[in-house]
Protein backbone atom coordinates (compact mmCIF):
# COMPACT_ATOMS: atom_id res chain seq x y z
CA MET A 1 60.59 -57.47 73.63
CA GLU A 2 59.16 -61.12 73.65
CA GLU A 3 61.71 -63.90 73.76
CA LEU A 4 61.00 -66.59 71.11
CA ARG A 5 61.54 -70.19 72.20
CA GLY A 6 61.15 -72.27 69.01
CA ARG A 7 63.07 -73.68 66.27
CA HIS A 8 63.64 -72.65 62.76
CA PRO A 9 61.08 -73.92 60.01
CA ASN A 10 61.68 -76.63 57.40
CA THR A 11 58.94 -77.07 54.31
CA ALA A 12 56.45 -78.65 56.55
CA ASN A 13 56.01 -75.34 58.09
CA LEU A 14 55.48 -73.42 54.67
CA ARG A 15 51.80 -72.75 55.09
CA ALA A 16 52.45 -71.18 58.77
CA CYS A 17 55.25 -69.21 57.20
CA GLU A 18 53.38 -67.65 54.14
CA ASP A 19 50.42 -67.00 56.80
CA ALA A 20 53.45 -64.90 58.75
CA VAL A 21 54.75 -63.00 55.82
CA GLU A 22 51.22 -62.39 54.35
CA GLN A 23 50.11 -60.77 57.58
CA LEU A 24 53.48 -58.79 57.63
CA HIS A 25 52.53 -57.48 53.91
CA GLY A 26 49.17 -57.21 54.83
CA VAL A 27 50.27 -54.14 57.18
CA GLY A 28 52.38 -52.74 54.69
CA VAL A 29 55.97 -53.79 55.66
CA VAL A 30 58.29 -56.02 53.44
CA HIS A 31 60.87 -57.99 55.48
CA GLY A 32 63.57 -57.74 53.11
CA ASP A 33 65.97 -60.21 54.43
CA LEU A 34 63.71 -63.41 54.68
CA SER A 35 65.43 -66.51 55.55
CA LYS A 36 64.55 -69.74 57.72
CA TYR A 37 66.68 -68.18 60.19
CA SER A 38 64.23 -65.00 60.48
CA ILE A 39 61.45 -67.27 61.10
CA ILE A 40 60.81 -69.10 64.21
CA VAL A 41 58.24 -71.92 64.62
CA LEU A 42 56.11 -72.13 67.75
CA GLY A 43 53.95 -74.97 67.83
CA ASN A 44 51.64 -74.57 64.41
CA MET A 45 52.36 -70.71 64.32
CA ALA A 46 55.70 -68.96 62.45
CA LYS A 47 56.87 -65.67 64.02
CA LEU A 48 59.15 -63.60 61.74
CA VAL A 49 62.31 -61.73 63.35
CA GLY A 50 65.26 -59.34 62.21
CA PHE A 51 63.49 -56.53 60.55
CA GLU A 52 66.55 -54.30 59.93
CA VAL A 53 66.31 -53.75 56.40
CA SER A 54 62.47 -54.26 56.68
CA THR A 55 60.66 -51.18 54.03
CA PHE A 56 57.11 -50.33 53.44
CA LEU A 57 55.44 -51.52 50.46
CA GLY A 58 54.29 -47.70 49.80
CA ASP A 59 57.82 -46.96 49.16
CA GLY A 60 57.51 -49.26 45.52
CA HIS A 61 58.11 -52.52 47.01
CA HIS A 62 55.54 -54.17 45.85
CA GLU A 63 57.45 -56.76 43.77
CA GLU A 64 59.85 -57.56 46.43
CA ALA A 65 56.90 -58.30 48.49
CA LYS A 66 55.64 -61.00 45.71
CA ASP A 67 59.10 -62.13 45.62
CA GLU A 68 59.54 -62.94 49.24
CA LEU A 69 56.64 -65.19 48.72
CA ARG A 70 57.42 -66.77 45.84
CA LYS A 71 60.58 -67.77 47.01
CA LEU A 72 59.81 -68.65 50.49
CA ALA A 73 59.79 -72.67 49.97
CA GLU A 74 63.25 -72.12 48.47
CA LYS A 75 64.34 -70.33 51.30
CA LEU A 76 63.30 -73.26 53.82
CA LEU A 77 65.14 -75.80 51.84
CA ASP A 78 68.43 -73.85 51.77
CA SER A 79 71.06 -75.51 53.93
CA SER A 80 73.75 -72.76 53.35
CA GLU A 81 73.12 -71.27 56.82
CA VAL A 82 73.11 -68.06 55.17
CA GLY A 83 71.38 -65.87 57.44
CA LEU A 84 72.29 -67.94 60.71
CA LYS A 85 73.93 -65.40 63.19
């Protein structure tokens, strides 16, 4: 397991976060619980964490995958601390 030392993203990191989510979807996985607290930014790269409820795209989760990307900017603006552990 890799220890990640970084920070949670904001909207300035949207493209890096989109890249990470698209890469995850590209291998057939939907995160399922995406929030800004499940993303760690290291330099210009975003890393995803917290895959407890992840599912495979082949299980009929294509709309869920589209929603993850569609709602990503909104999640980065969220200040409610939902998802912070």
